N, C-alpha and C. Protein backbone atom coordinates (compact mmCIF):
# COMPACT_ATOMS: atom_id res chain seq x y z
N UNK A 1 0.77 -1.16 0.02
CA UNK A 1 0.11 0.07 -0.05
C UNK A 1 0.83 1.35 0.17
N UNK A 2 1.99 1.19 0.68
CA UNK A 2 2.69 2.53 0.61
C UNK A 2 3.26 2.60 -0.49
N UNK A 3 3.80 1.84 -1.27
CA UNK A 3 4.23 1.94 -2.81
C UNK A 3 3.23 2.54 -3.44
N UNK A 4 2.03 2.01 -3.57
CA UNK A 4 0.85 2.64 -4.34
C UNK A 4 0.47 4.10 -4.07
N UNK A 5 0.40 4.33 -2.79
CA UNK A 5 0.18 5.67 -2.31
C UNK A 5 1.20 6.52 -2.63
N UNK A 6 2.36 6.21 -2.90
CA UNK A 6 3.40 6.95 -3.40
C UNK A 6 3.27 7.35 -4.81
N UNK A 7 2.92 6.26 -5.59
CA UNK A 7 2.23 6.70 -6.95
C UNK A 7 1.22 7.75 -7.03
N UNK A 8 0.42 7.46 -6.07
CA UNK A 8 -0.86 8.52 -5.91
C UNK A 8 -0.38 9.79 -5.79
N UNK A 9 0.84 10.36 -5.25
CA UNK A 9 0.88 11.59 -5.09
C UNK A 9 1.50 12.22 -6.30
N UNK A 10 1.86 11.46 -7.29
CA UNK A 10 2.38 12.02 -8.61
C UNK A 10 1.21 12.63 -9.48
N UNK A 11 0.04 12.70 -9.00
CA UNK A 11 -1.01 13.17 -9.77
C UNK A 11 -1.07 14.63 -10.10
N UNK A 12 -1.54 15.13 -11.21
CA UNK A 12 -1.66 16.65 -11.43
C UNK A 12 -1.77 17.39 -10.22
N UNK A 13 -3.00 17.08 -9.56
CA UNK A 13 -3.55 17.64 -8.50
C UNK A 13 -2.86 17.65 -7.38
N UNK A 14 -1.74 16.87 -7.22
CA UNK A 14 -0.91 16.50 -5.81
C UNK A 14 0.45 17.09 -6.28
N UNK A 15 1.42 16.25 -6.54
CA UNK A 15 2.79 16.81 -6.56
C UNK A 15 3.27 16.81 -8.19
N UNK A 16 2.19 16.50 -9.00
CA UNK A 16 2.61 16.62 -10.52
C UNK A 16 3.81 16.31 -10.89
N UNK A 17 4.11 14.94 -10.57
CA UNK A 17 5.36 14.46 -11.55
C UNK A 17 4.75 13.95 -12.81
N UNK A 18 5.54 14.43 -13.78
CA UNK A 18 5.30 13.88 -15.07
C UNK A 18 5.10 12.32 -15.46
N UNK A 19 4.15 11.80 -15.54
CA UNK A 19 3.83 10.56 -15.52
C UNK A 19 3.20 10.25 -17.04
N UNK A 20 3.50 11.19 -17.89
CA UNK A 20 2.70 10.91 -19.11
C UNK A 20 3.37 9.91 -20.14
N UNK A 21 4.75 9.33 -19.75
CA UNK A 21 5.47 8.41 -20.65
C UNK A 21 5.48 7.17 -19.95
N UNK A 22 4.99 7.04 -18.53
CA UNK A 22 5.11 6.06 -18.01
C UNK A 22 4.51 4.72 -18.91
N UNK A 23 3.55 4.49 -19.42
CA UNK A 23 3.21 3.35 -20.11
C UNK A 23 3.99 2.90 -21.52
N UNK A 24 4.62 4.14 -21.91
CA UNK A 24 5.30 4.01 -23.15
C UNK A 24 6.90 3.88 -23.34
N UNK A 25 7.39 4.52 -22.13
CA UNK A 25 8.84 4.33 -21.99
C UNK A 25 9.34 3.64 -20.74
N UNK A 26 10.34 2.64 -20.87
CA UNK A 26 10.63 1.70 -19.86
C UNK A 26 11.50 2.52 -18.75
N UNK A 27 12.34 3.51 -19.05
CA UNK A 27 13.12 4.11 -18.47
C UNK A 27 12.33 4.97 -17.64
N UNK A 28 11.40 5.63 -18.17
CA UNK A 28 10.41 6.59 -17.22
C UNK A 28 9.55 5.84 -16.34
N UNK A 29 9.22 4.55 -16.78
CA UNK A 29 8.56 3.49 -15.72
C UNK A 29 9.53 3.19 -14.79
N UNK A 30 10.47 2.97 -14.91
CA UNK A 30 11.68 2.67 -13.78
C UNK A 30 11.85 3.66 -13.07
N UNK A 31 11.94 4.74 -13.56
CA UNK A 31 12.37 5.78 -12.63
C UNK A 31 10.99 6.16 -11.44
N UNK A 32 9.80 6.03 -12.02
CA UNK A 32 8.54 6.06 -11.21
C UNK A 32 8.71 5.31 -10.18
N UNK A 33 9.07 3.82 -10.57
CA UNK A 33 8.91 2.66 -9.80
C UNK A 33 9.85 2.85 -8.60
N UNK A 34 11.09 3.35 -9.07
CA UNK A 34 12.09 3.56 -8.05
C UNK A 34 11.61 4.72 -7.00
N UNK A 35 10.91 5.73 -7.39
CA UNK A 35 10.47 6.88 -6.65
C UNK A 35 9.52 6.00 -5.73
N UNK A 36 8.70 5.37 -6.12
CA UNK A 36 7.56 4.50 -5.39
C UNK A 36 8.12 3.76 -4.33
N UNK A 37 9.01 3.07 -4.81
CA UNK A 37 9.77 1.84 -3.84
C UNK A 37 10.58 2.57 -2.61
N UNK A 38 11.19 3.89 -3.03
CA UNK A 38 11.95 4.53 -2.07
C UNK A 38 10.97 5.03 -1.15
N UNK A 39 9.73 5.69 -1.60
CA UNK A 39 8.72 6.48 -0.79
C UNK A 39 8.10 5.29 0.08
N UNK A 40 7.93 4.15 -0.45
CA UNK A 40 7.43 3.07 0.44
C UNK A 40 8.50 2.84 1.62
N UNK A 41 9.83 2.70 1.25
CA UNK A 41 10.79 2.45 2.46
C UNK A 41 10.59 3.43 3.43
N UNK A 42 10.73 4.64 2.64
CA UNK A 42 10.59 5.92 3.78
C UNK A 42 9.42 5.83 4.73
N UNK A 43 8.22 5.65 4.02
CA UNK A 43 6.95 5.59 4.87
C UNK A 43 7.30 4.48 6.04
N UNK A 44 7.50 3.43 5.38
CA UNK A 44 7.49 2.25 6.42
C UNK A 44 8.53 2.56 7.49
N UNK A 45 9.64 3.15 7.37
CA UNK A 45 10.25 3.28 8.22
C UNK A 45 9.94 4.63 9.41
N UNK A 46 9.26 5.65 8.70
CA UNK A 46 8.60 6.48 9.50
C UNK A 46 7.49 5.85 10.64
N UNK A 47 6.66 4.83 10.08
CA UNK A 47 5.62 4.25 10.73
C UNK A 47 5.95 3.05 11.47
N UNK A 48 7.15 2.58 11.37
CA UNK A 48 7.58 1.41 12.11
C UNK A 48 7.33 0.08 11.47
N UNK A 49 6.91 0.05 10.24
CA UNK A 49 6.35 -1.13 9.55
C UNK A 49 7.53 -1.77 9.02
N UNK A 50 7.46 -3.05 9.51
CA UNK A 50 8.62 -4.08 8.93
C UNK A 50 8.18 -4.80 8.03
N UNK A 51 8.95 -4.67 6.64
CA UNK A 51 8.62 -5.12 5.22
C UNK A 51 8.54 -6.48 5.31
N UNK A 52 7.75 -6.96 4.21
CA UNK A 52 7.85 -8.45 4.03
C UNK A 52 9.20 -9.10 3.81
N UNK A 53 9.44 -10.21 4.28
CA UNK A 53 10.86 -11.00 4.25
C UNK A 53 10.66 -11.85 2.98
N UNK A 54 9.35 -12.10 2.63
CA UNK A 54 9.36 -13.13 1.39
C UNK A 54 9.71 -12.56 0.07
N UNK A 55 10.55 -12.94 -0.65
CA UNK A 55 10.67 -12.19 -2.02
C UNK A 55 9.63 -12.22 -2.89
N UNK A 56 9.47 -10.80 -3.63
CA UNK A 56 8.28 -11.10 -4.76
C UNK A 56 8.77 -11.17 -6.06
N UNK A 57 8.02 -12.02 -6.99
CA UNK A 57 8.44 -12.17 -8.26
C UNK A 57 8.63 -11.04 -9.09
N UNK A 58 7.82 -10.20 -8.95
CA UNK A 58 7.88 -8.75 -9.59
C UNK A 58 8.89 -7.93 -9.33
N UNK A 59 9.71 -8.25 -8.15
CA UNK A 59 10.57 -7.24 -7.93
C UNK A 59 11.92 -7.57 -8.77
N UNK A 60 12.16 -8.58 -9.27
CA UNK A 60 13.34 -8.80 -10.29
C UNK A 60 13.14 -8.13 -11.29
N UNK A 61 11.97 -8.07 -12.00
CA UNK A 61 11.85 -6.89 -13.13
C UNK A 61 12.14 -5.59 -12.87
N UNK A 62 11.64 -5.13 -11.53
CA UNK A 62 11.67 -3.80 -10.96
C UNK A 62 13.37 -3.66 -11.03
N UNK A 63 14.07 -4.47 -10.51
CA UNK A 63 15.50 -4.22 -10.04
C UNK A 63 16.35 -4.21 -11.47
N UNK A 64 15.96 -4.85 -12.42
CA UNK A 64 16.69 -4.71 -13.83
C UNK A 64 16.32 -3.45 -14.42
N UNK A 65 15.19 -2.79 -14.33
CA UNK A 65 14.89 -1.27 -14.73
C UNK A 65 15.71 -0.40 -14.12
N UNK A 66 15.60 -0.43 -12.74
CA UNK A 66 16.43 0.29 -11.87
C UNK A 66 17.87 0.36 -12.11
N UNK A 67 18.57 -0.76 -12.36
CA UNK A 67 19.94 -0.99 -12.57
C UNK A 67 20.17 -0.27 -13.96
N UNK A 68 19.32 -0.33 -14.92
CA UNK A 68 19.43 0.24 -16.31
C UNK A 68 19.32 1.92 -16.08
N UNK A 69 18.75 2.56 -15.40
CA UNK A 69 18.37 3.71 -15.13
C UNK A 69 19.64 4.31 -14.36
N UNK A 70 19.91 3.59 -13.38
CA UNK A 70 21.10 4.00 -12.32
C UNK A 70 22.41 3.91 -13.04
N UNK A 71 22.77 3.07 -13.79
CA UNK A 71 23.97 2.70 -14.65
C UNK A 71 23.96 4.09 -15.80
N UNK A 72 22.87 4.47 -16.22
CA UNK A 72 22.62 5.61 -17.28
C UNK A 72 22.74 7.07 -16.62
N UNK A 73 22.40 7.14 -15.60
CA UNK A 73 22.46 8.33 -15.03
C UNK A 73 22.95 8.30 -13.35
N UNK A 74 23.94 8.95 -13.32
CA UNK A 74 24.84 8.67 -11.99
C UNK A 74 23.94 9.42 -10.74
N UNK A 75 23.17 10.45 -11.39
CA UNK A 75 22.45 11.29 -10.49
C UNK A 75 20.79 10.61 -10.17
N UNK A 76 20.60 9.86 -10.92
CA UNK A 76 18.99 9.30 -10.79
C UNK A 76 18.77 8.73 -9.39
N UNK A 77 19.59 8.27 -8.46
CA UNK A 77 19.11 7.81 -7.32
C UNK A 77 18.89 9.12 -6.43
N UNK A 78 19.55 10.04 -6.66
CA UNK A 78 19.32 11.42 -5.78
C UNK A 78 18.02 12.08 -6.21
N UNK A 79 17.91 12.32 -7.43
CA UNK A 79 16.45 12.47 -7.86
C UNK A 79 15.52 11.63 -7.41
N UNK A 80 15.42 10.41 -7.50
CA UNK A 80 14.40 9.42 -7.11
C UNK A 80 14.13 9.68 -5.59
N UNK A 81 15.20 9.84 -4.89
CA UNK A 81 15.07 10.06 -3.29
C UNK A 81 14.29 11.44 -3.17
N UNK A 82 14.73 12.25 -3.74
CA UNK A 82 14.21 13.62 -3.45
C UNK A 82 12.76 13.78 -4.02
N UNK A 83 12.13 13.11 -4.98
CA UNK A 83 10.89 12.92 -5.32
C UNK A 83 10.07 12.05 -4.05
N UNK A 84 10.81 11.16 -3.75
CA UNK A 84 10.06 9.98 -2.87
C UNK A 84 10.04 10.75 -1.45
N UNK A 85 10.89 11.66 -1.03
CA UNK A 85 10.73 12.38 0.07
C UNK A 85 9.77 13.28 0.13
N UNK A 86 9.56 14.07 -1.11
CA UNK A 86 8.58 14.89 -1.03
C UNK A 86 7.11 14.22 -1.32
N UNK A 87 7.04 13.33 -2.18
CA UNK A 87 5.81 12.16 -1.74
C UNK A 87 5.61 12.00 -0.11
N UNK A 88 6.50 11.54 0.59
CA UNK A 88 6.25 11.37 1.90
C UNK A 88 5.92 12.52 3.01
N UNK A 89 6.60 13.58 2.45
CA UNK A 89 6.26 14.92 3.10
C UNK A 89 4.80 15.15 2.96
N UNK A 90 4.55 15.15 1.67
CA UNK A 90 3.09 15.51 1.21
C UNK A 90 2.01 14.48 1.99
N UNK A 91 2.25 13.20 2.21
CA UNK A 91 1.40 12.26 2.70
C UNK A 91 1.25 12.75 4.35
N UNK A 92 2.64 12.91 4.73
CA UNK A 92 2.49 13.27 6.46
C UNK A 92 1.76 14.48 6.57
N UNK A 93 1.70 15.48 5.51
CA UNK A 93 0.99 16.82 5.87
C UNK A 93 -0.59 16.61 5.53
């Protein structure tokens, strides 16, 4: 849920992340998924929620996309973390 609610913050009437290419561009999708996953981790840490210990099959696909984005753009992790933190701040407010 914390992953999905981080996606929710990207809507135009909220934080207005550009999600127009999410369905068309694997790189843009991977960037948004990284934001959502970091936001989820930040929210879980803030709320004292311990994540599942069981691996999920869909995580392997996410990791592959994230590695490509992170390999192509050395600042991508910082940008994703900043977007994730803005999303968490928005949710806390």
